[in-house]
N, C-alpha and C. Protein backbone atom coordinates (compact mmCIF):
# COMPACT_ATOMS: atom_id res chain seq x y z
N MET A 1 0.84 -1.19 0.00
CA MET A 1 0.00 0.00 0.00
C MET A 1 0.88 1.24 0.00
N ASN A 2 0.49 2.19 -0.80
CA ASN A 2 1.19 3.47 -0.84
C ASN A 2 0.61 4.39 0.22
N ASN A 3 1.36 5.40 0.58
CA ASN A 3 0.83 6.40 1.50
C ASN A 3 -0.20 7.24 0.77
N LEU A 4 -1.13 7.78 1.53
CA LEU A 4 -2.15 8.64 0.96
C LEU A 4 -1.52 9.95 0.52
N ILE A 5 -2.05 10.48 -0.55
CA ILE A 5 -1.61 11.78 -1.04
C ILE A 5 -2.74 12.74 -0.74
N ASP A 6 -2.46 13.80 -0.03
CA ASP A 6 -3.49 14.77 0.30
C ASP A 6 -3.66 15.72 -0.88
N ASP A 7 -4.56 15.36 -1.77
CA ASP A 7 -4.78 16.20 -2.95
C ASP A 7 -6.12 16.92 -2.87
N GLY A 8 -6.61 17.09 -1.66
CA GLY A 8 -7.87 17.81 -1.50
C GLY A 8 -9.09 16.92 -1.51
N ARG A 9 -8.92 15.67 -1.91
CA ARG A 9 -10.05 14.73 -1.87
C ARG A 9 -10.13 14.12 -0.50
N PRO A 10 -11.34 13.79 -0.06
CA PRO A 10 -11.50 13.19 1.27
C PRO A 10 -10.65 11.91 1.41
N ILE A 11 -10.13 11.71 2.59
CA ILE A 11 -9.27 10.54 2.85
C ILE A 11 -10.03 9.24 2.61
N PHE A 12 -11.32 9.19 3.00
CA PHE A 12 -12.07 7.94 2.81
C PHE A 12 -12.19 7.59 1.32
N VAL A 13 -12.26 8.60 0.46
CA VAL A 13 -12.31 8.35 -0.99
C VAL A 13 -10.96 7.79 -1.45
N GLN A 14 -9.88 8.34 -0.91
CA GLN A 14 -8.55 7.84 -1.27
C GLN A 14 -8.36 6.40 -0.81
N ILE A 15 -8.89 6.06 0.36
CA ILE A 15 -8.83 4.67 0.85
C ILE A 15 -9.55 3.75 -0.15
N ALA A 16 -10.76 4.14 -0.54
CA ALA A 16 -11.54 3.33 -1.49
C ALA A 16 -10.77 3.17 -2.80
N GLU A 17 -10.16 4.24 -3.27
CA GLU A 17 -9.40 4.17 -4.53
C GLU A 17 -8.18 3.27 -4.41
N ARG A 18 -7.53 3.27 -3.26
CA ARG A 18 -6.37 2.39 -3.06
C ARG A 18 -6.80 0.92 -3.11
N ILE A 19 -7.94 0.63 -2.51
CA ILE A 19 -8.45 -0.74 -2.57
C ILE A 19 -8.79 -1.10 -4.01
N GLU A 20 -9.45 -0.18 -4.72
CA GLU A 20 -9.77 -0.42 -6.12
C GLU A 20 -8.50 -0.66 -6.94
N ASP A 21 -7.45 0.14 -6.69
CA ASP A 21 -6.18 -0.04 -7.40
C ASP A 21 -5.64 -1.45 -7.16
N ASP A 22 -5.68 -1.90 -5.92
CA ASP A 22 -5.19 -3.25 -5.61
C ASP A 22 -6.03 -4.32 -6.31
N ILE A 23 -7.32 -4.07 -6.44
CA ILE A 23 -8.19 -5.02 -7.15
C ILE A 23 -7.83 -5.04 -8.63
N ILE A 24 -7.69 -3.86 -9.24
CA ILE A 24 -7.36 -3.78 -10.67
C ILE A 24 -6.02 -4.44 -10.95
N GLU A 25 -5.02 -4.18 -10.09
CA GLU A 25 -3.67 -4.68 -10.31
C GLU A 25 -3.49 -6.14 -9.92
N GLY A 26 -4.53 -6.75 -9.36
CA GLY A 26 -4.46 -8.17 -9.01
C GLY A 26 -3.96 -8.46 -7.61
N GLY A 27 -3.63 -7.43 -6.85
CA GLY A 27 -3.17 -7.63 -5.48
C GLY A 27 -4.27 -8.11 -4.56
N LEU A 28 -5.50 -7.81 -4.92
CA LEU A 28 -6.67 -8.29 -4.17
C LEU A 28 -7.62 -8.99 -5.15
N PRO A 29 -7.42 -10.29 -5.34
CA PRO A 29 -8.29 -11.01 -6.27
C PRO A 29 -9.68 -11.26 -5.65
N GLU A 30 -10.61 -11.71 -6.48
CA GLU A 30 -11.95 -12.04 -5.99
C GLU A 30 -11.85 -13.01 -4.82
N GLU A 31 -12.69 -12.76 -3.84
CA GLU A 31 -12.80 -13.56 -2.61
C GLU A 31 -11.63 -13.38 -1.65
N ALA A 32 -10.68 -12.50 -1.98
CA ALA A 32 -9.58 -12.22 -1.06
C ALA A 32 -10.09 -11.35 0.07
N GLN A 33 -9.53 -11.55 1.25
CA GLN A 33 -9.89 -10.71 2.38
C GLN A 33 -9.16 -9.38 2.29
N VAL A 34 -9.88 -8.31 2.56
CA VAL A 34 -9.34 -6.95 2.54
C VAL A 34 -8.83 -6.64 3.95
N PRO A 35 -7.76 -5.86 4.07
CA PRO A 35 -7.31 -5.48 5.41
C PRO A 35 -8.47 -4.86 6.20
N SER A 36 -8.42 -5.03 7.50
CA SER A 36 -9.48 -4.48 8.35
C SER A 36 -9.39 -2.96 8.41
N THR A 37 -10.47 -2.35 8.83
CA THR A 37 -10.47 -0.89 8.98
C THR A 37 -9.42 -0.47 10.00
N ASN A 38 -9.20 -1.28 11.03
CA ASN A 38 -8.17 -0.96 12.02
C ASN A 38 -6.77 -1.03 11.40
N GLN A 39 -6.57 -1.98 10.50
CA GLN A 39 -5.28 -2.08 9.81
C GLN A 39 -5.05 -0.85 8.91
N PHE A 40 -6.09 -0.47 8.16
CA PHE A 40 -5.99 0.74 7.34
C PHE A 40 -5.71 1.95 8.22
N ALA A 41 -6.44 2.05 9.32
CA ALA A 41 -6.29 3.20 10.23
C ALA A 41 -4.86 3.29 10.77
N ALA A 42 -4.32 2.15 11.18
CA ALA A 42 -2.96 2.14 11.72
C ALA A 42 -1.93 2.47 10.64
N PHE A 43 -2.09 1.88 9.47
CA PHE A 43 -1.13 2.10 8.38
C PHE A 43 -1.11 3.55 7.92
N TYR A 44 -2.29 4.14 7.75
CA TYR A 44 -2.39 5.51 7.24
C TYR A 44 -2.46 6.56 8.36
N LYS A 45 -2.46 6.08 9.61
CA LYS A 45 -2.54 6.98 10.77
C LYS A 45 -3.79 7.88 10.68
N ILE A 46 -4.94 7.20 10.49
CA ILE A 46 -6.22 7.90 10.41
C ILE A 46 -7.20 7.26 11.39
N ASN A 47 -8.33 7.89 11.57
CA ASN A 47 -9.38 7.38 12.43
C ASN A 47 -10.01 6.13 11.79
N PRO A 48 -10.24 5.06 12.57
CA PRO A 48 -10.88 3.86 12.01
C PRO A 48 -12.23 4.15 11.35
N ALA A 49 -12.96 5.14 11.85
CA ALA A 49 -14.25 5.49 11.24
C ALA A 49 -14.07 6.02 9.82
N THR A 50 -12.97 6.74 9.59
CA THR A 50 -12.67 7.25 8.25
C THR A 50 -12.35 6.08 7.32
N ALA A 51 -11.54 5.15 7.80
CA ALA A 51 -11.21 3.97 7.00
C ALA A 51 -12.48 3.17 6.69
N ALA A 52 -13.33 3.02 7.69
CA ALA A 52 -14.58 2.27 7.50
C ALA A 52 -15.47 2.94 6.46
N LYS A 53 -15.47 4.25 6.45
CA LYS A 53 -16.28 4.98 5.47
C LYS A 53 -15.81 4.66 4.05
N GLY A 54 -14.49 4.58 3.84
CA GLY A 54 -13.95 4.23 2.53
C GLY A 54 -14.30 2.81 2.12
N VAL A 55 -14.17 1.88 3.06
CA VAL A 55 -14.51 0.48 2.79
C VAL A 55 -16.01 0.37 2.49
N ASN A 56 -16.83 1.06 3.26
CA ASN A 56 -18.28 0.98 3.07
C ASN A 56 -18.74 1.57 1.74
N LEU A 57 -17.98 2.52 1.19
CA LEU A 57 -18.28 3.01 -0.16
C LEU A 57 -18.26 1.85 -1.15
N LEU A 58 -17.24 1.00 -1.00
CA LEU A 58 -17.08 -0.12 -1.92
C LEU A 58 -18.10 -1.23 -1.66
N VAL A 59 -18.52 -1.35 -0.41
CA VAL A 59 -19.59 -2.30 -0.09
C VAL A 59 -20.88 -1.85 -0.78
N ASP A 60 -21.17 -0.56 -0.69
CA ASP A 60 -22.37 -0.01 -1.31
C ASP A 60 -22.38 -0.19 -2.82
N GLU A 61 -21.20 -0.23 -3.43
CA GLU A 61 -21.08 -0.41 -4.88
C GLU A 61 -21.02 -1.89 -5.28
N GLY A 62 -21.04 -2.80 -4.30
CA GLY A 62 -20.98 -4.22 -4.61
C GLY A 62 -19.60 -4.72 -4.97
N ILE A 63 -18.57 -3.95 -4.62
CA ILE A 63 -17.19 -4.33 -4.91
C ILE A 63 -16.62 -5.17 -3.77
N LEU A 64 -17.02 -4.86 -2.55
CA LEU A 64 -16.65 -5.63 -1.36
C LEU A 64 -17.92 -6.13 -0.70
N TYR A 65 -17.78 -7.20 0.07
CA TYR A 65 -18.90 -7.68 0.88
C TYR A 65 -18.37 -8.13 2.23
N LYS A 66 -19.26 -8.14 3.20
CA LYS A 66 -18.87 -8.48 4.56
C LYS A 66 -19.28 -9.91 4.90
N LYS A 67 -18.33 -10.65 5.49
CA LYS A 67 -18.64 -11.95 6.09
C LYS A 67 -18.69 -11.69 7.58
N ARG A 68 -19.87 -11.79 8.13
CA ARG A 68 -20.10 -11.44 9.52
C ARG A 68 -19.10 -12.14 10.45
N GLY A 69 -18.43 -11.34 11.26
CA GLY A 69 -17.49 -11.87 12.23
C GLY A 69 -16.13 -12.24 11.66
N ILE A 70 -15.97 -12.12 10.34
CA ILE A 70 -14.70 -12.50 9.71
C ILE A 70 -14.01 -11.29 9.11
N GLY A 71 -14.74 -10.50 8.31
CA GLY A 71 -14.15 -9.31 7.69
C GLY A 71 -14.74 -9.01 6.34
N MET A 72 -14.06 -8.16 5.62
CA MET A 72 -14.48 -7.73 4.28
C MET A 72 -13.72 -8.51 3.22
N PHE A 73 -14.43 -8.82 2.15
CA PHE A 73 -13.86 -9.59 1.07
C PHE A 73 -14.20 -8.97 -0.28
N VAL A 74 -13.36 -9.26 -1.28
CA VAL A 74 -13.58 -8.78 -2.63
C VAL A 74 -14.68 -9.62 -3.27
N ALA A 75 -15.68 -8.94 -3.80
CA ALA A 75 -16.82 -9.62 -4.42
C ALA A 75 -16.45 -10.22 -5.77
N GLU A 76 -17.20 -11.21 -6.17
CA GLU A 76 -17.05 -11.79 -7.49
C GLU A 76 -17.37 -10.72 -8.53
N GLY A 77 -16.56 -10.60 -9.55
CA GLY A 77 -16.78 -9.61 -10.60
C GLY A 77 -16.35 -8.20 -10.22
N ALA A 78 -15.69 -8.05 -9.06
CA ALA A 78 -15.29 -6.73 -8.58
C ALA A 78 -14.33 -6.03 -9.53
N ARG A 79 -13.37 -6.77 -10.05
CA ARG A 79 -12.37 -6.15 -10.93
C ARG A 79 -13.05 -5.55 -12.16
N THR A 80 -13.97 -6.27 -12.76
CA THR A 80 -14.70 -5.77 -13.93
C THR A 80 -15.50 -4.53 -13.56
N LYS A 81 -16.16 -4.56 -12.41
CA LYS A 81 -16.95 -3.40 -11.96
C LYS A 81 -16.06 -2.17 -11.77
N VAL A 82 -14.92 -2.37 -11.14
CA VAL A 82 -14.01 -1.25 -10.87
C VAL A 82 -13.47 -0.69 -12.19
N ILE A 83 -13.08 -1.57 -13.10
CA ILE A 83 -12.55 -1.10 -14.39
C ILE A 83 -13.62 -0.32 -15.15
N GLU A 84 -14.85 -0.82 -15.19
CA GLU A 84 -15.92 -0.10 -15.88
C GLU A 84 -16.19 1.25 -15.23
N LYS A 85 -16.18 1.29 -13.91
CA LYS A 85 -16.37 2.55 -13.18
C LYS A 85 -15.26 3.53 -13.52
N ARG A 86 -14.03 3.05 -13.51
CA ARG A 86 -12.88 3.92 -13.78
C ARG A 86 -12.89 4.40 -15.24
N LYS A 87 -13.31 3.54 -16.16
CA LYS A 87 -13.40 3.96 -17.56
C LYS A 87 -14.40 5.10 -17.72
N GLU A 88 -15.54 4.99 -17.04
CA GLU A 88 -16.55 6.04 -17.11
C GLU A 88 -16.02 7.34 -16.49
N GLN A 89 -15.32 7.21 -15.36
CA GLN A 89 -14.72 8.39 -14.73
C GLN A 89 -13.68 9.02 -15.66
N PHE A 90 -12.88 8.19 -16.30
CA PHE A 90 -11.87 8.68 -17.25
C PHE A 90 -12.53 9.45 -18.38
N PHE A 91 -13.60 8.89 -18.92
CA PHE A 91 -14.34 9.54 -20.00
C PHE A 91 -14.84 10.90 -19.55
N GLU A 92 -15.48 10.94 -18.40
CA GLU A 92 -16.06 12.19 -17.90
C GLU A 92 -14.98 13.22 -17.56
N GLU A 93 -13.95 12.79 -16.84
CA GLU A 93 -12.94 13.72 -16.33
C GLU A 93 -11.92 14.16 -17.38
N TYR A 94 -11.57 13.27 -18.30
CA TYR A 94 -10.50 13.59 -19.24
C TYR A 94 -10.99 13.78 -20.67
N VAL A 95 -11.75 12.84 -21.18
CA VAL A 95 -12.15 12.90 -22.58
C VAL A 95 -13.09 14.08 -22.83
N ILE A 96 -14.14 14.19 -22.05
CA ILE A 96 -15.09 15.29 -22.24
C ILE A 96 -14.39 16.63 -22.04
N THR A 97 -13.56 16.71 -21.01
CA THR A 97 -12.81 17.95 -20.75
C THR A 97 -11.89 18.27 -21.92
N MET A 98 -11.22 17.27 -22.45
CA MET A 98 -10.31 17.47 -23.57
C MET A 98 -11.07 17.93 -24.81
N ILE A 99 -12.22 17.32 -25.09
CA ILE A 99 -13.01 17.70 -26.26
C ILE A 99 -13.49 19.15 -26.14
N ARG A 100 -13.95 19.52 -24.94
CA ARG A 100 -14.41 20.90 -24.74
C ARG A 100 -13.28 21.90 -24.96
N GLU A 101 -12.11 21.58 -24.42
CA GLU A 101 -10.96 22.48 -24.59
C GLU A 101 -10.55 22.54 -26.06
N ALA A 102 -10.58 21.41 -26.75
CA ALA A 102 -10.23 21.37 -28.17
C ALA A 102 -11.20 22.24 -28.98
N GLU A 103 -12.48 22.16 -28.64
CA GLU A 103 -13.47 22.99 -29.34
C GLU A 103 -13.19 24.47 -29.14
N LYS A 104 -12.83 24.84 -27.89
CA LYS A 104 -12.50 26.25 -27.61
C LYS A 104 -11.33 26.74 -28.46
N LEU A 105 -10.38 25.84 -28.68
CA LEU A 105 -9.16 26.20 -29.41
C LEU A 105 -9.28 26.00 -30.92
N GLY A 106 -10.44 25.51 -31.36
CA GLY A 106 -10.64 25.29 -32.79
C GLY A 106 -9.93 24.07 -33.32
N ILE A 107 -9.63 23.13 -32.45
CA ILE A 107 -8.96 21.89 -32.86
C ILE A 107 -10.03 20.93 -33.40
N THR A 108 -9.81 20.44 -34.62
CA THR A 108 -10.78 19.53 -35.23
C THR A 108 -10.60 18.12 -34.63
N ALA A 109 -11.59 17.28 -34.89
CA ALA A 109 -11.54 15.89 -34.41
C ALA A 109 -10.31 15.17 -35.00
N ASP A 110 -10.03 15.42 -36.28
CA ASP A 110 -8.86 14.79 -36.91
C ASP A 110 -7.56 15.27 -36.27
N GLN A 111 -7.47 16.57 -35.98
CA GLN A 111 -6.28 17.11 -35.34
C GLN A 111 -6.11 16.53 -33.93
N LEU A 112 -7.23 16.40 -33.23
CA LEU A 112 -7.19 15.82 -31.88
C LEU A 112 -6.74 14.37 -31.93
N THR A 113 -7.24 13.63 -32.89
CA THR A 113 -6.82 12.22 -33.06
C THR A 113 -5.33 12.15 -33.35
N ASP A 114 -4.84 13.05 -34.22
CA ASP A 114 -3.40 13.08 -34.52
C ASP A 114 -2.58 13.37 -33.26
N MET A 115 -3.06 14.30 -32.42
CA MET A 115 -2.36 14.63 -31.19
C MET A 115 -2.29 13.44 -30.25
N ILE A 116 -3.39 12.72 -30.15
CA ILE A 116 -3.43 11.54 -29.28
C ILE A 116 -2.47 10.48 -29.78
N GLN A 117 -2.46 10.26 -31.09
CA GLN A 117 -1.55 9.27 -31.67
C GLN A 117 -0.09 9.70 -31.49
N ARG A 118 0.16 10.98 -31.64
CA ARG A 118 1.51 11.49 -31.44
C ARG A 118 1.95 11.26 -29.97
N GLY A 119 1.05 11.50 -29.05
CA GLY A 119 1.34 11.25 -27.64
C GLY A 119 1.56 9.79 -27.35
N ASP A 120 0.79 8.93 -28.01
CA ASP A 120 0.91 7.49 -27.81
C ASP A 120 2.26 6.99 -28.31
N ASN A 121 2.78 7.61 -29.37
CA ASN A 121 4.08 7.21 -29.92
C ASN A 121 5.24 7.62 -29.04
N LYS A 122 5.02 8.57 -28.13
CA LYS A 122 6.09 9.05 -27.26
C LYS A 122 6.22 8.25 -25.97
N ARG A 123 5.37 7.27 -25.79
CA ARG A 123 5.45 6.48 -24.56
C ARG A 123 6.58 5.51 -24.63
């Protein structure tokens, strides 16, 4: 786990995103147990209630589920759900924003496509 970056977003959202990252990257496969809220709290030096709020976000989305008396686990199909969610966020946050800015600057769709391809070649 990486340390949290204080970028103005609530800590509980950052906790949820870190769990999602671990799910996407395969560090937390389906049916794997997720660290407890107390473990998150100790690692990140935050209040356990804040950690629980982040975990519960993912429970509400069906990405994690609780086994009573045992802990939280990664739900079946969680990786697919997280990837689809992140793709939609990417579209909204980056693609739509990029298209709007391109329109302001008079950049055509073809020019924008060329720019993306040029950027892809520089990786």
